[in-house]
Protein backbone atom coordinates (compact mmCIF):
# COMPACT_ATOMS: atom_id res chain seq x y z
CA UNK A 1 78.16 80.62 215.10
CA UNK A 2 78.77 83.30 212.46
CA UNK A 3 82.20 83.28 210.85
CA UNK A 4 83.48 86.01 208.52
CA UNK A 5 86.13 84.78 206.08
CA UNK A 6 87.95 87.80 204.64
CA UNK A 7 91.39 87.01 203.18
CA UNK A 8 93.39 88.87 200.56
CA UNK A 9 94.81 86.94 197.61
CA UNK A 10 97.85 84.70 198.04
CA UNK A 11 100.03 85.88 195.16
CA UNK A 12 100.92 83.33 192.50
CA UNK A 13 98.72 80.69 194.12
CA UNK A 14 95.19 81.67 195.23
CA UNK A 15 92.77 84.48 194.52
CA UNK A 16 91.06 85.94 197.57
CA UNK A 17 87.92 83.96 196.76
CA UNK A 18 89.85 80.72 196.29
CA UNK A 19 91.51 81.28 199.67
CA UNK A 20 88.13 81.97 201.28
CA UNK A 21 86.64 78.84 199.71
CA UNK A 22 89.46 76.68 201.07
CA UNK A 23 89.11 78.15 204.56
CA UNK A 24 85.37 77.56 204.46
CA UNK A 25 85.84 73.92 203.44
CA UNK A 26 88.22 73.34 206.32
CA UNK A 27 85.92 74.89 208.90
CA UNK A 28 82.79 73.23 207.54
CA UNK A 29 84.30 69.81 208.13
CA UNK A 30 84.31 70.64 211.85
CA UNK A 31 81.46 73.14 212.17
CA UNK A 32 79.01 72.17 209.39
CA UNK A 33 76.17 74.19 210.89
CA UNK A 34 77.98 77.51 211.19
CA UNK A 35 76.94 80.60 209.22
CA UNK A 36 79.81 81.42 206.87
CA UNK A 37 80.16 84.81 205.15
CA UNK A 38 82.91 85.02 202.54
CA UNK A 39 84.18 88.52 201.80
CA UNK A 40 87.20 88.38 199.45
CA UNK A 41 89.42 91.32 200.30
CA UNK A 42 92.16 93.50 198.81
CA UNK A 43 94.06 96.64 199.76
CA UNK A 44 93.52 98.63 196.57
CA UNK A 45 96.43 97.05 194.70
CA UNK A 46 96.66 94.06 192.43
CA UNK A 47 93.65 91.78 192.81
CA UNK A 48 91.24 94.46 194.01
CA UNK A 49 89.01 94.23 190.95
CA UNK A 50 88.74 90.45 191.19
CA UNK A 51 88.09 90.50 194.94
CA UNK A 52 85.31 93.07 194.80
CA UNK A 53 83.69 91.43 191.79
CA UNK A 54 83.77 88.09 193.60
CA UNK A 55 82.50 89.58 196.85
CA UNK A 56 79.48 91.21 195.21
CA UNK A 57 78.66 88.85 192.33
CA UNK A 58 79.74 91.41 189.78
CA UNK A 59 81.48 91.01 186.44
CA UNK A 60 84.68 91.95 184.62
CA UNK A 61 84.84 93.65 181.24
CA UNK A 62 87.93 93.66 179.05
CA UNK A 63 88.76 96.87 177.22
CA UNK A 64 91.49 97.72 174.71
CA UNK A 65 93.12 101.00 175.70
CA UNK A 66 96.29 102.98 175.07
CA UNK A 67 99.18 101.43 176.99
CA UNK A 68 101.91 103.38 178.77
CA UNK A 69 104.06 103.43 175.62
CA UNK A 70 101.19 104.47 173.38
CA UNK A 71 100.57 100.99 172.03
CA UNK A 72 97.22 99.17 172.42
CA UNK A 73 96.92 96.92 175.46
CA UNK A 74 94.07 94.74 176.69
CA UNK A 75 92.99 96.08 180.07
CA UNK A 76 89.91 95.47 182.21
CA UNK A 77 87.64 96.94 184.85
CA UNK A 78 85.15 95.36 187.21
CA UNK A 79 81.52 96.19 187.82
CA UNK A 80 80.27 95.34 191.28
CA UNK A 81 76.99 93.55 191.83
CA UNK A 82 75.00 96.78 192.14
CA UNK A 83 75.72 97.53 188.47
CA UNK A 84 76.66 101.10 189.37
CA UNK A 85 80.07 100.81 191.03
CA UNK A 86 83.10 100.22 188.83
CA UNK A 87 86.48 99.12 190.14
CA UNK A 88 89.64 100.00 188.23
CA UNK A 89 93.28 99.10 188.72
CA UNK A 90 95.21 101.76 186.85
CA UNK A 91 98.07 99.31 186.45
CA UNK A 92 95.87 97.30 184.08
CA UNK A 93 96.15 100.18 181.60
CA UNK A 94 99.25 102.10 182.67
CA UNK A 95 101.23 99.64 184.77
CA UNK A 96 104.96 99.13 185.00
CA UNK A 97 104.56 95.45 184.16
CA UNK A 98 103.38 96.49 180.69
CA UNK A 99 106.74 98.08 179.86
CA UNK A 100 109.83 95.93 179.16
CA UNK A 101 112.74 96.86 181.41
CA UNK A 102 114.80 98.18 178.51
CA UNK A 103 111.99 100.56 177.45
CA UNK A 104 111.13 102.06 180.83
CA UNK A 105 111.25 105.83 180.51
CA UNK A 106 108.83 108.05 182.47
CA UNK A 107 109.61 110.96 180.16
CA UNK A 108 107.40 109.26 177.56
CA UNK A 109 104.99 106.93 179.39
CA UNK A 110 101.38 108.06 179.60
CA UNK A 111 98.26 107.58 181.72
CA UNK A 112 96.01 107.98 178.69
CA UNK A 113 94.82 104.38 178.96
CA UNK A 114 93.69 104.94 182.54
CA UNK A 115 91.47 107.78 181.38
CA UNK A 116 90.10 105.61 178.60
CA UNK A 117 89.33 102.87 181.11
CA UNK A 118 87.50 105.35 183.34
CA UNK A 119 85.42 106.56 180.39
CA UNK A 120 84.60 102.98 179.43
CA UNK A 121 83.35 102.32 182.96
CA UNK A 122 81.05 105.33 182.73
CA UNK A 123 79.83 104.11 179.34
CA UNK A 124 78.91 100.83 181.06
CA UNK A 125 76.68 102.70 183.48
CA UNK A 126 78.97 103.34 186.44
CA UNK A 127 78.00 106.14 188.79
CA UNK A 128 80.73 105.42 191.32
CA UNK A 129 84.37 104.75 190.43
CA UNK A 130 86.89 103.18 192.77
CA UNK A 131 90.43 103.37 191.40
CA UNK A 132 93.56 101.69 192.70
CA UNK A 133 96.59 103.64 191.54
CA UNK A 134 99.52 101.42 192.52
CA UNK A 135 102.07 99.90 190.15
CA UNK A 136 102.22 102.70 187.60
CA UNK A 137 104.81 103.10 184.84
CA UNK A 138 104.11 106.81 184.55
CA UNK A 139 105.21 110.21 185.82
CA UNK A 140 103.02 112.49 183.71
CA UNK A 141 100.98 113.96 186.55
CA UNK A 142 97.88 112.34 185.10
CA UNK A 143 98.14 114.48 181.96
CA UNK A 144 97.33 111.57 179.67
CA UNK A 145 94.29 110.70 181.74
CA UNK A 146 92.97 114.26 181.53
CA UNK A 147 93.51 114.31 177.77
CA UNK A 148 91.67 111.00 177.38
CA UNK A 149 88.72 112.47 179.27
CA UNK A 150 88.44 115.49 177.00
CA UNK A 151 90.78 118.02 178.58
CA UNK A 152 93.23 119.83 176.31
CA UNK A 153 96.80 120.54 177.35
CA UNK A 154 98.17 123.12 174.94
CA UNK A 155 101.58 124.51 174.04
CA UNK A 156 102.25 128.14 173.13
CA UNK A 157 100.99 127.50 169.58
CA UNK A 158 97.69 126.10 170.83
CA UNK A 159 98.56 122.53 169.89
CA UNK A 160 98.13 119.50 172.14
CA UNK A 161 101.33 118.53 173.90
CA UNK A 162 102.62 115.00 173.45
CA UNK A 163 102.51 112.13 175.92
CA UNK A 164 104.69 111.61 178.97
CA UNK A 165 106.28 113.59 181.76
CA UNK A 166 108.84 115.09 179.41
CA UNK A 167 106.25 116.89 177.29
CA UNK A 168 104.87 118.79 180.29
CA UNK A 169 107.63 121.38 179.87
CA UNK A 170 105.82 122.53 176.70
CA UNK A 171 102.54 123.18 178.52
CA UNK A 172 101.33 126.77 178.23
CA UNK A 173 97.59 126.58 178.91
CA UNK A 174 94.68 124.30 179.71
CA UNK A 175 91.25 123.98 178.17
CA UNK A 176 88.95 121.78 180.25
CA UNK A 177 85.69 123.00 178.74
CA UNK A 178 85.28 119.62 177.04
CA UNK A 179 86.26 117.54 180.08
CA UNK A 180 83.75 114.69 180.38
CA UNK A 181 80.76 116.32 182.13
CA UNK A 182 79.64 113.00 183.61
CA UNK A 183 82.26 113.38 186.31
CA UNK A 184 80.23 116.19 187.84
CA UNK A 185 77.82 113.52 189.10
CA UNK A 186 80.21 110.62 189.69
CA UNK A 187 81.53 109.60 193.09
CA UNK A 188 85.26 109.05 192.65
CA UNK A 189 87.30 107.24 195.32
CA UNK A 190 91.00 106.58 194.92
CA UNK A 191 92.85 103.86 196.80
CA UNK A 192 96.10 105.52 197.77
CA UNK A 193 98.47 104.17 200.42
CA UNK A 194 101.33 106.65 200.05
CA UNK A 195 101.57 110.13 201.55
CA UNK A 196 103.96 111.74 199.08
CA UNK A 197 103.29 115.26 197.79
CA UNK A 198 103.46 115.96 194.08
CA UNK A 199 106.94 117.50 193.94
CA UNK A 200 110.12 117.98 195.93
CA UNK A 201 112.50 115.52 197.61
CA UNK A 202 109.58 113.33 198.72
CA UNK A 203 107.59 113.85 195.54
CA UNK A 204 106.52 111.59 192.71
CA UNK A 205 109.66 111.87 190.59
CA UNK A 206 112.25 111.77 193.37
CA UNK A 207 110.80 108.80 195.25
CA UNK A 208 109.20 106.68 192.55
CA UNK A 209 110.85 107.84 189.32
CA UNK A 210 113.95 105.61 189.55
CA UNK A 211 111.94 102.40 189.77
CA UNK A 212 110.19 103.44 186.56
CA UNK A 213 113.44 103.90 184.69
CA UNK A 214 114.35 107.50 185.51
CA UNK A 215 118.00 108.50 185.76
CA UNK A 216 119.11 111.23 188.19
CA UNK A 217 118.91 113.81 185.41
CA UNK A 218 115.46 112.57 184.42
CA UNK A 219 114.25 112.89 188.01
CA UNK A 220 115.17 116.59 188.05
CA UNK A 221 113.42 117.20 184.73
CA UNK A 222 110.32 115.28 185.76
CA UNK A 223 110.07 117.11 189.08
CA UNK A 224 110.40 120.50 187.38
CA UNK A 225 107.81 119.52 184.78
CA UNK A 226 105.32 118.36 187.40
CA UNK A 227 105.78 121.64 189.26
CA UNK A 228 105.17 123.51 186.00
CA UNK A 229 102.04 121.45 185.28
CA UNK A 230 100.76 122.25 188.76
CA UNK A 231 101.51 125.97 188.30
CA UNK A 232 99.52 126.13 185.06
CA UNK A 233 96.69 123.95 186.33
CA UNK A 234 96.28 125.63 189.69
CA UNK A 235 96.17 129.03 188.04
CA UNK A 236 93.44 127.84 185.68
CA UNK A 237 91.48 125.88 188.28
CA UNK A 238 91.90 128.22 191.20
CA UNK A 239 92.89 125.36 193.49
CA UNK A 240 96.10 124.25 195.17
CA UNK A 241 96.45 120.57 195.93
CA UNK A 242 100.06 119.64 195.15
CA UNK A 243 100.98 119.35 198.84
CA UNK A 244 98.06 117.11 199.79
CA UNK A 245 99.15 113.70 201.03
CA UNK A 246 98.95 111.25 198.15
CA UNK A 247 99.23 113.87 195.41
CA UNK A 248 102.49 112.25 194.30
CA UNK A 249 101.01 108.77 194.00
CA UNK A 250 101.29 107.03 190.61
CA UNK A 251 103.58 109.67 189.17
CA UNK A 252 101.24 112.51 190.09
CA UNK A 253 98.03 110.81 189.01
CA UNK A 254 96.80 111.26 192.57
CA UNK A 255 97.18 115.01 192.18
CA UNK A 256 95.30 115.25 188.87
CA UNK A 257 92.44 113.13 190.23
CA UNK A 258 92.21 115.57 193.13
CA UNK A 259 92.68 118.77 191.16
CA UNK A 260 90.61 118.06 188.07
CA UNK A 261 88.02 115.51 189.22
CA UNK A 262 87.62 116.29 192.93
CA UNK A 263 88.44 112.71 193.91
CA UNK A 264 88.56 111.44 197.46
CA UNK A 265 91.89 109.77 198.32
CA UNK A 266 91.59 107.01 200.93
CA UNK A 267 93.50 104.04 202.24
CA UNK A 268 92.85 101.13 199.92
CA UNK A 269 91.71 98.70 202.58
CA UNK A 270 89.22 101.27 203.92
CA UNK A 271 87.62 101.61 200.49
CA UNK A 272 87.31 97.85 200.13
CA UNK A 273 85.88 97.34 203.63
CA UNK A 274 83.26 99.98 202.97
CA UNK A 275 82.45 98.56 199.53
CA UNK A 276 81.56 95.14 200.94
CA UNK A 277 79.68 96.55 203.97
CA UNK A 278 82.15 94.86 206.30
CA UNK A 279 80.97 96.75 209.38
CA UNK A 280 77.41 95.54 208.92
CA UNK A 281 78.56 91.95 208.49
CA UNK A 282 81.02 91.83 211.38
CA UNK A 283 79.03 93.47 214.15
CA UNK A 284 77.24 90.22 215.08
CA UNK A 285 80.02 87.81 214.08
CA UNK A 286 81.68 85.33 216.43
CA UNK A 287 84.96 85.02 214.53
CA UNK A 288 86.85 86.69 211.69
CA UNK A 289 89.47 84.88 209.62
CA UNK A 290 91.77 86.91 207.39
CA UNK A 291 95.17 86.50 205.78
CA UNK A 292 97.46 86.94 202.79
CA UNK A 293 100.50 85.35 201.24
CA UNK A 294 103.01 86.64 203.77
CA UNK A 295 102.58 88.21 207.17
CA UNK A 296 105.55 90.05 208.67
CA UNK A 297 106.40 93.30 210.44
CA UNK A 298 105.38 95.30 207.34
CA UNK A 299 101.84 93.91 207.46
CA UNK A 300 100.88 96.52 210.05
CA UNK A 301 101.35 99.31 207.48
CA UNK A 302 98.01 99.34 205.68
CA UNK A 303 97.88 95.70 204.62
CA UNK A 304 94.62 93.80 204.36
CA UNK A 305 94.89 91.56 207.46
CA UNK A 306 95.40 94.53 209.78
CA UNK A 307 92.65 96.57 208.15
CA UNK A 308 90.27 93.66 208.61
CA UNK A 309 91.44 93.06 212.17
CA UNK A 310 91.02 96.67 213.23
CA UNK A 311 87.52 96.77 211.78
CA UNK A 312 86.64 93.55 213.62
CA UNK A 313 88.04 94.86 216.90
CA UNK A 314 85.61 97.78 216.73
CA UNK A 315 83.03 95.14 217.65
CA UNK A 316 85.29 93.03 219.90
CA UNK A 317 85.30 90.12 217.46
CA UNK A 318 88.31 87.77 217.70
CA UNK A 319 90.53 87.55 214.61
CA UNK A 320 92.64 84.70 213.26
CA UNK A 321 95.31 85.38 210.64
CA UNK A 322 96.43 82.78 208.11
CA UNK A 323 99.43 83.23 205.81
CA UNK A 324 101.50 81.31 203.34
CA UNK A 325 104.57 82.29 205.31
CA UNK A 326 104.97 83.97 208.68
CA UNK A 327 108.20 85.83 209.41
CA UNK A 328 110.09 85.83 212.69
CA UNK A 329 109.19 89.47 213.23
CA UNK A 330 105.46 88.96 212.69
CA UNK A 331 104.65 89.38 216.40
CA UNK A 332 103.93 93.04 215.67
CA UNK A 333 100.52 92.07 214.29
CA UNK A 334 99.38 90.99 217.75
CA UNK A 335 99.38 94.64 218.75
CA UNK A 336 97.07 95.51 215.86
CA UNK A 337 94.07 93.26 216.28
CA UNK A 338 95.15 89.76 215.25
CA UNK A 339 94.72 87.28 218.10
CA UNK A 340 96.29 84.16 216.58
CA UNK A 341 98.48 83.59 213.54
CA UNK A 342 99.07 80.45 211.48
CA UNK A 343 101.15 79.46 208.46
CA UNK A 344 99.64 76.99 206.00
CA UNK A 345 102.97 75.56 204.83
CA UNK A 346 103.65 72.12 206.40
CA UNK A 347 107.34 72.44 207.15
CA UNK A 348 110.16 72.99 204.67
CA UNK A 349 108.65 72.50 201.22
CA UNK A 350 109.84 73.81 197.84
CA UNK A 351 108.24 77.08 196.79
CA UNK A 352 106.72 75.45 193.72
CA UNK A 353 105.05 72.86 195.94
CA UNK A 354 103.70 75.55 198.26
CA UNK A 355 102.12 77.37 195.32
CA UNK A 356 100.76 74.25 193.63
CA UNK A 357 99.15 72.83 196.76
CA UNK A 358 98.17 76.12 198.41
CA UNK A 359 94.43 75.34 198.44
CA UNK A 360 95.03 71.92 200.00
CA UNK A 361 97.34 73.37 202.66
CA UNK A 362 94.88 76.18 203.35
CA UNK A 363 91.98 73.78 203.85
CA UNK A 364 94.04 71.52 206.10
CA UNK A 365 95.20 74.44 208.24
CA UNK A 366 91.66 75.78 208.53
CA UNK A 367 90.42 72.34 209.57
CA UNK A 368 93.12 72.11 212.26
CA UNK A 369 92.25 75.57 213.56
CA UNK A 370 88.56 74.69 213.69
CA UNK A 371 89.30 71.41 215.48
CA UNK A 372 91.37 73.29 218.06
CA UNK A 373 88.51 75.71 218.64
CA UNK A 374 86.09 72.81 219.07
CA UNK A 375 88.44 71.10 221.51
CA UNK A 376 88.80 74.30 223.54
CA UNK A 377 85.03 74.66 223.67
CA UNK A 378 84.74 71.11 224.99
CA UNK A 379 87.56 71.36 227.53
CA UNK A 380 86.64 74.73 228.93
CA UNK A 381 82.87 74.55 228.34
CA UNK A 382 82.98 77.74 226.32
């Protein structure tokens, strides 16, 4: 019996690999002779680097870069086991969690550190970059990233404009002649799970600006500045990509990755599934086990368990979902590929206890599931 174990992380308690290890231990106590394949998963957000490094026996490199407020921060990127594919979470360099609440201001925050992280990955030998762009503190349209990679954003006097979405109003021209030439031969995939265009009522500033500290007045300024940036850039580049779905992701970083670096925007879970060759692994599997910290009605919208389940169903493989908590409205997942759903929490326990003993509860639940499968096989001669 071949069993694929492909959970996401359980936030604040277990990494995806730790969750997979616990599930494997539980099943092995009942089916010691089964063939277990652990594929730690993620959806392109927090934990993606760790999951893909763990899944492919890669490594993580720390890198000091420019933070969203212009101050040095210690970020990181992952190199997958092939030594050629780098995985980046832009939030590690330009994330909202790096900015204290009282200092959040997308007029000044920059994506420069994300560009520096990308360059560092190329310096390490990467030929393929996978970038998750969730959790940003920025609304600069990716201007800082482009500057970090050698592009010049100039005002009317020919001087470089400053950092942040506010400075984009000063932009008069672009000079991308010094843009890092290595990107001409780099495959660039971006994990993007939002469909927002760059500007307008559903754009980067209007939808995401307030959570980054923007007031109503700031939102108007930021939206106008992004439109201006796109006007100048599209005239220079001869392309128009501001209306493409995902262009407004990460404060417009999605747009600049498209416009300047010809990136391919995809659903995060699809990038991860492809990266670990999930289709090859699952086609002859007998069972897939997936899960994450909470499964509810929102899980069907691009979350890891559903991405895994849909991929498994392409080969008619049954799927079991395991979660830390299961909401009352979680039945929706049964229409999207999950055949059975279990919570690992043994009754009403304090949250601290659930986090502290998550691995133990996971292993116990997995053992109970495996025992039930064995019993069913015996009773019904499956």
